[in-house]
Protein backbone atom coordinates (compact mmCIF):
# COMPACT_ATOMS: atom_id res chain seq x y z
CA MET A 1 0.02 -0.14 -0.02
CA LEU A 2 1.13 3.56 -0.81
CA LYS A 3 1.30 6.40 1.44
CA ASN A 4 0.49 8.97 -1.20
CA ARG A 5 -2.49 7.19 -2.37
CA ALA A 6 -4.95 8.79 -0.29
CA VAL A 7 -8.58 10.71 -0.68
CA ILE A 8 -10.39 12.61 1.97
CA LEU A 9 -14.08 13.32 1.75
CA ALA A 10 -15.83 15.62 4.35
CA LYS A 11 -19.55 16.61 5.03
CA ALA A 12 -21.37 18.56 7.63
CA GLU A 13 -23.57 16.30 9.93
CA SER A 14 -27.30 17.06 10.48
CA THR A 15 -26.90 15.15 13.96
CA TYR A 16 -24.05 14.99 15.96
CA GLY A 17 -22.09 11.62 14.94
CA THR A 18 -24.65 10.59 12.35
CA ASP A 19 -22.91 9.75 9.09
CA PRO A 20 -24.17 12.22 6.31
CA THR A 21 -22.40 9.96 3.76
CA PRO A 22 -20.07 12.29 2.09
CA SER A 23 -19.78 11.80 -1.76
CA PRO A 24 -16.46 11.48 -3.77
CA THR A 25 -18.38 13.75 -6.48
CA THR A 26 -19.26 16.82 -4.16
CA ASP A 27 -17.37 16.31 -1.14
CA ALA A 28 -13.86 15.55 -2.02
CA ILE A 29 -10.98 17.79 -0.59
CA LEU A 30 -7.73 18.21 -2.49
CA CYS A 31 -5.05 18.24 0.10
CA GLU A 32 -1.46 17.26 0.75
CA THR A 33 -0.60 13.97 2.32
CA PRO A 34 -2.99 13.80 5.11
CA GLU A 35 -2.34 11.82 8.48
CA VAL A 36 -4.49 10.06 10.72
CA GLU A 37 -3.83 8.96 14.34
CA PRO A 38 -6.01 6.57 16.61
CA VAL A 39 -6.06 8.27 20.12
CA GLY A 40 -6.28 5.82 23.08
CA ARG A 41 -5.06 5.01 26.58
CA LYS A 42 -4.11 1.93 28.39
CA ILE A 43 -5.37 0.83 31.62
CA GLU A 44 -2.76 -1.63 33.32
CA ARG A 45 -3.81 -4.33 35.68
CA ASN A 46 -1.26 -4.49 38.51
CA PHE A 47 -2.56 -7.44 40.48
CA VAL A 48 0.02 -9.69 42.54
CA ARG A 49 0.62 -13.29 41.65
CA PRO A 50 3.32 -15.66 42.85
CA TYR A 51 5.26 -15.12 39.53
CA PHE A 52 6.60 -12.32 37.62
CA GLY A 53 4.89 -10.98 34.29
CA ALA A 54 2.23 -8.37 33.14
CA LEU A 55 -1.46 -9.08 32.80
CA PRO A 56 -2.85 -7.94 29.43
CA PRO A 57 -3.82 -4.30 29.82
CA LEU A 58 -7.28 -2.91 28.77
CA ASN A 59 -6.74 -0.59 25.38
CA ILE A 60 -9.47 1.85 25.03
CA GLY A 61 -9.81 3.76 21.83
CA GLU A 62 -11.10 7.27 22.51
CA ALA A 63 -10.61 9.22 19.40
CA VAL A 64 -9.32 9.48 15.90
CA LYS A 65 -7.44 12.85 14.78
CA ALA A 66 -6.75 13.82 11.30
CA VAL A 67 -4.76 16.60 9.72
CA ILE A 68 -5.49 17.80 6.61
CA THR A 69 -3.51 20.64 4.66
CA ALA A 70 -5.45 22.25 1.71
CA GLU A 71 -4.89 25.28 -0.42
CA LEU A 72 -6.73 28.48 0.37
CA LYS A 73 -8.84 29.20 -2.71
CA GLY A 74 -12.46 29.81 -3.99
CA SER A 75 -14.74 27.68 -5.84
CA GLY A 76 -14.32 29.52 -8.91
CA THR A 77 -17.98 31.04 -8.68
CA ALA A 78 -18.87 33.73 -6.48
CA GLY A 79 -21.45 32.90 -3.98
CA THR A 80 -20.64 29.06 -4.02
CA PRO A 81 -18.83 27.60 -1.03
CA PRO A 82 -15.03 26.83 -1.57
CA GLU A 83 -13.98 23.01 -1.40
CA ILE A 84 -12.74 23.59 2.04
CA GLY A 85 -16.02 25.26 3.48
CA SER A 86 -17.08 22.08 5.15
CA LEU A 87 -13.79 21.99 6.97
CA PHE A 88 -14.24 25.60 8.35
CA VAL A 89 -17.80 24.80 9.47
CA GLY A 90 -16.23 21.71 11.36
CA CYS A 91 -13.98 24.30 13.22
CA GLY A 92 -16.96 26.11 14.76
CA MET A 93 -17.46 28.80 12.08
CA ASP A 94 -20.75 29.96 10.54
CA GLU A 95 -21.12 29.80 6.86
CA THR A 96 -23.25 32.75 5.20
CA ILE A 97 -24.05 32.37 1.47
CA VAL A 98 -25.09 35.36 -0.58
CA PRO A 99 -26.05 33.80 -3.84
CA ALA A 100 -23.81 34.69 -6.99
CA THR A 101 -21.85 37.25 -4.53
CA SER A 102 -20.04 35.73 -1.53
CA VAL A 103 -19.50 33.06 1.15
CA THR A 104 -18.30 34.29 4.58
CA TYR A 105 -17.01 32.39 7.64
CA LYS A 106 -17.02 33.80 11.11
CA PRO A 107 -16.65 32.52 14.52
CA ASN A 108 -19.72 31.16 16.34
CA SER A 109 -19.26 30.45 20.23
CA ASN A 110 -22.50 28.52 20.00
CA SER A 111 -21.92 26.46 17.11
CA THR A 112 -23.14 22.75 17.21
CA GLU A 113 -21.79 21.88 13.79
CA SER A 114 -19.75 18.72 13.36
CA ILE A 115 -18.49 16.90 10.42
CA THR A 116 -17.89 13.36 9.16
CA ILE A 117 -14.63 12.54 7.41
CA TYR A 118 -14.00 9.56 5.01
CA PHE A 119 -10.16 9.16 5.35
CA TYR A 120 -8.89 6.59 2.47
CA ARG A 121 -5.43 5.62 2.83
CA HIS A 122 -5.08 3.38 -0.17
CA ASN A 123 -7.92 0.80 0.48
CA ILE A 124 -7.96 1.22 4.16
CA LEU A 125 -10.93 3.59 5.44
CA HIS A 126 -11.28 5.46 8.57
CA HIS A 127 -14.64 6.76 9.14
CA ILE A 128 -14.32 9.90 11.61
CA HIS A 129 -17.70 10.82 12.92
CA GLY A 130 -18.45 13.93 15.26
CA ALA A 131 -15.16 15.64 14.08
CA ARG A 132 -14.67 19.12 15.39
CA GLY A 133 -11.15 20.93 15.00
CA THR A 134 -9.10 24.04 14.49
CA TRP A 135 -7.11 25.55 11.67
CA SER A 136 -4.22 27.50 10.95
CA LEU A 137 -3.10 29.36 7.93
CA GLU A 138 0.37 30.34 6.44
CA ALA A 139 0.93 32.74 3.68
CA LYS A 140 4.25 33.64 2.00
CA ALA A 141 4.62 36.29 -0.67
CA THR A 142 4.69 34.82 -4.31
CA GLU A 143 3.26 31.52 -2.82
CA TYR A 144 -0.38 30.29 -2.32
CA ALA A 145 -1.59 30.27 1.22
CA LYS A 146 -1.87 26.82 2.83
CA VAL A 147 -4.70 26.06 5.62
CA LYS A 148 -3.91 23.26 8.07
CA TYR A 149 -7.06 21.62 9.72
CA GLU A 150 -6.66 19.38 12.91
CA PHE A 151 -9.64 17.48 13.59
CA THR A 152 -10.79 14.95 16.48
CA GLY A 153 -13.72 12.74 16.23
CA ILE A 154 -15.24 9.53 17.85
CA TYR A 155 -12.97 6.60 17.78
CA ALA A 156 -13.77 3.88 15.29
CA GLY A 157 -11.16 1.50 13.86
CA PRO A 158 -10.30 1.25 10.30
CA VAL A 159 -11.98 -0.96 7.82
CA ASP A 160 -11.30 -2.32 4.31
CA GLY A 161 -12.83 0.14 1.79
CA THR A 162 -12.12 0.66 -1.87
CA MET A 163 -10.73 4.29 -2.45
CA PRO A 164 -12.85 6.22 -4.90
CA SER A 165 -11.16 5.98 -8.33
CA SER A 166 -12.31 9.24 -9.62
CA PRO A 167 -13.10 11.69 -6.86
CA VAL A 168 -13.92 15.18 -8.16
CA PHE A 169 -11.80 18.11 -7.13
CA ASN A 170 -12.40 21.65 -7.56
CA ALA A 171 -10.01 22.62 -10.57
CA THR A 172 -9.68 26.35 -9.49
CA ILE A 173 -5.87 27.33 -9.26
CA PRO A 174 -5.18 29.02 -5.75
CA PRO A 175 -4.46 32.58 -5.86
CA ARG A 176 -0.87 33.61 -4.85
CA PHE A 177 -0.11 35.90 -1.94
CA LEU A 178 0.50 39.04 -4.42
CA SER A 179 -1.07 42.57 -4.51
CA ALA A 180 -2.29 41.52 -0.93
CA LEU A 181 -3.56 44.88 0.12
CA PHE A 182 -2.04 44.05 3.64
CA SER A 183 -2.45 46.67 6.31
CA PHE A 184 -2.41 46.97 10.08
CA ASN A 185 -3.80 49.84 11.77
CA SER A 186 -4.27 51.69 8.41
CA TYR A 187 -0.59 51.33 7.61
CA ALA A 188 0.30 49.14 4.48
CA ALA A 189 3.39 47.56 5.86
CA VAL A 190 5.84 45.77 3.87
CA ILE A 191 5.65 41.98 4.65
CA GLU A 192 6.76 38.49 3.47
CA THR A 193 4.70 36.32 5.54
CA LEU A 194 1.40 36.15 7.41
CA LYS A 195 0.06 33.69 9.82
CA PHE A 196 -3.11 32.91 11.73
CA ASN A 197 -4.04 30.30 13.94
CA TYR A 198 -7.70 29.91 14.88
CA GLY A 199 -6.84 28.43 18.30
CA ASN A 200 -9.91 26.22 19.17
CA GLY A 201 -9.58 24.06 21.95
CA ILE A 202 -11.11 20.54 21.84
CA ALA A 203 -12.49 18.62 24.71
CA LYS A 204 -14.47 15.48 25.34
CA ARG A 205 -17.69 14.80 27.17
CA ILE A 206 -17.55 11.56 28.97
CA ASP A 207 -20.59 9.40 28.77
CA ALA A 208 -20.82 5.66 30.29
CA ASN A 209 -23.82 5.12 28.05
CA SER A 210 -21.99 5.79 24.53
CA ALA A 211 -20.43 2.85 22.93
CA THR A 212 -16.97 4.33 23.33
CA GLY A 213 -17.43 6.15 26.58
CA ILE A 214 -17.41 9.49 24.92
CA LEU A 215 -20.54 11.39 24.03
CA GLU A 216 -18.98 13.97 22.01
CA TYR A 217 -15.98 16.24 21.20
CA PHE A 218 -16.67 19.82 21.35
CA ILE A 219 -14.97 23.38 21.07
CA LYS A 220 -14.36 24.42 24.71
CA GLU A 221 -12.50 27.78 23.94
CA ARG A 222 -11.05 29.87 21.21
CA LYS A 223 -8.03 32.18 21.03
CA VAL A 224 -7.19 33.58 17.54
CA THR A 225 -3.53 34.64 17.20
CA GLY A 226 -1.09 35.16 14.39
CA GLU A 227 2.11 36.82 13.12
CA PHE A 228 3.36 38.94 10.30
CA ASP A 229 6.90 40.39 9.69
CA PRO A 230 6.90 44.11 8.52
CA GLU A 231 9.96 45.94 7.42
CA MET A 232 10.97 48.38 10.35
CA VAL A 233 10.05 51.97 9.44
CA GLY A 234 10.60 55.31 11.22
CA ILE A 235 8.40 55.95 14.19
CA ALA A 236 6.88 59.04 12.41
CA THR A 237 5.82 56.64 9.54
CA HIS A 238 4.35 53.84 12.03
CA ASP A 239 5.01 53.41 15.61
CA PHE A 240 4.69 49.50 16.00
CA PHE A 241 6.01 49.73 19.45
CA GLY A 242 3.50 52.35 20.23
CA ASP A 243 0.69 50.23 19.10
CA TRP A 244 1.99 47.40 21.32
CA ALA A 245 2.64 49.70 24.38
CA ALA A 246 -1.04 51.06 24.15
CA SER A 247 -2.58 47.64 23.48
CA THR A 248 -4.21 49.13 20.47
CA ALA A 249 -6.99 47.11 18.99
CA ALA A 250 -6.23 47.70 15.18
CA ASN A 251 -7.67 46.47 11.95
CA MET A 252 -5.79 44.10 10.09
CA THR A 253 -6.73 42.92 6.65
CA ALA A 254 -5.22 40.91 3.75
CA THR A 255 -6.57 39.80 0.31
CA PHE A 256 -5.90 36.80 -1.61
CA GLY A 257 -6.58 36.85 -5.23
CA SER A 258 -8.58 39.14 -7.37
CA ALA A 259 -10.71 37.12 -9.77
CA ALA A 260 -14.62 36.58 -9.20
CA GLY A 261 -15.18 33.55 -7.14
CA ASN A 262 -11.46 32.97 -6.27
CA LYS A 263 -10.95 36.06 -3.97
CA CYS A 264 -10.71 35.77 -0.21
CA VAL A 265 -10.56 38.58 2.13
CA ILE A 266 -9.37 37.91 5.77
CA ASP A 267 -10.18 40.59 8.42
CA ALA A 268 -9.15 40.68 12.11
CA PRO A 269 -10.80 44.15 13.13
CA HIS A 270 -9.40 44.04 16.58
CA ALA A 271 -5.92 42.80 16.58
CA VAL A 272 -3.47 43.68 19.24
CA LEU A 273 0.41 43.17 18.84
CA ASP A 274 2.08 40.87 21.20
CA VAL A 275 5.68 41.24 22.40
CA MET A 276 7.85 42.00 19.30
CA LYS A 277 11.58 41.38 18.41
CA TYR A 278 13.86 42.68 15.75
CA ALA A 279 14.80 40.34 12.89
CA ASP A 280 16.03 40.89 9.45
CA ARG A 281 15.17 40.00 5.93
CA GLU A 282 17.84 40.34 3.17
CA ASN A 283 19.62 42.55 5.74
CA GLN A 284 16.56 44.85 5.99
CA LEU A 285 15.55 45.49 9.30
CA THR A 286 12.20 43.83 9.97
CA LEU A 287 10.07 42.98 13.13
CA THR A 288 8.53 39.60 14.14
CA ALA A 289 5.28 40.93 15.14
CA PRO A 290 2.88 38.39 16.78
CA PHE A 291 -0.75 39.55 17.73
CA ILE A 292 -3.82 38.30 19.32
CA ALA A 293 -7.14 38.82 17.20
CA THR A 294 -9.76 39.92 20.02
CA PRO A 295 -13.48 40.11 19.45
CA SER A 296 -15.65 43.29 19.97
CA SER A 297 -18.02 43.62 22.89
CA ALA A 298 -20.62 41.98 20.59
CA GLY A 299 -18.37 38.63 20.18
CA ASP A 300 -17.74 36.24 17.67
CA ASP A 301 -16.16 38.70 15.21
CA GLU A 302 -12.48 38.29 15.86
CA ILE A 303 -11.85 37.29 12.34
CA THR A 304 -13.70 36.61 9.16
CA LEU A 305 -13.00 34.97 5.69
CA ALA A 306 -15.08 36.46 2.94
CA PHE A 307 -14.87 34.53 -0.45
CA THR A 308 -16.14 36.67 -3.35
């Protein structure tokens, strides 16, 4: 069996843990080589006997984790969700569709959405039900941005399953991180890289009535963070250290692509700088500028992704 023969299908669940049967024609995700990891624990049986040796432990399967890295790109048609839309939904983000215009993803602290993932590795199939997760994004000038998703779902062992021979992937080419219109606190900083980490914490609800002892995996918290690397400029041009010292909640925005159906604008309207340090890029003085994307008093608005 070959590691790089793999297919990921993902679809939102109507009821937690109930298989919505993702289809290879509508729910396939184009991604880098994905990873799957069963999560379990071992209960030792430490009883005394007149001789040495270990008793067989009790092995308990608790979860299945999946790591999926995909391209940041639109569907190619404005108002049609991108291929990775179901993955954002599984990370506790609301999906708002304006037909023929836009699809927007924003945080939802009360989200009950979960997804089912079919993870084919050659002809071994992992069904991951009740999956919830988090994501991170990294963009570098001249390259396309990548989104890395990490999901945790209810444990189930792998089964034999014939990998779909012709899954349908979206053929749209991902936009490169160019003409990005990046700005922080209304200043168009010169940057090379931009990173976001959605920062969901995933926890489990224990239930002795469940077949695995786990009722569900849920999102218990969220802390959106990130980092960018602006060229250092004179204080009169822009005072990054002043922003940091004043804990200024500033708007940050970046644009990926320009073509209709393949443009994504990411906004963090209340980004606060964390402790910075000096660095360099080709001997140009730069800053390593981490930040925390905070919500307003209304909540659930620390970051949005709008595909148009």
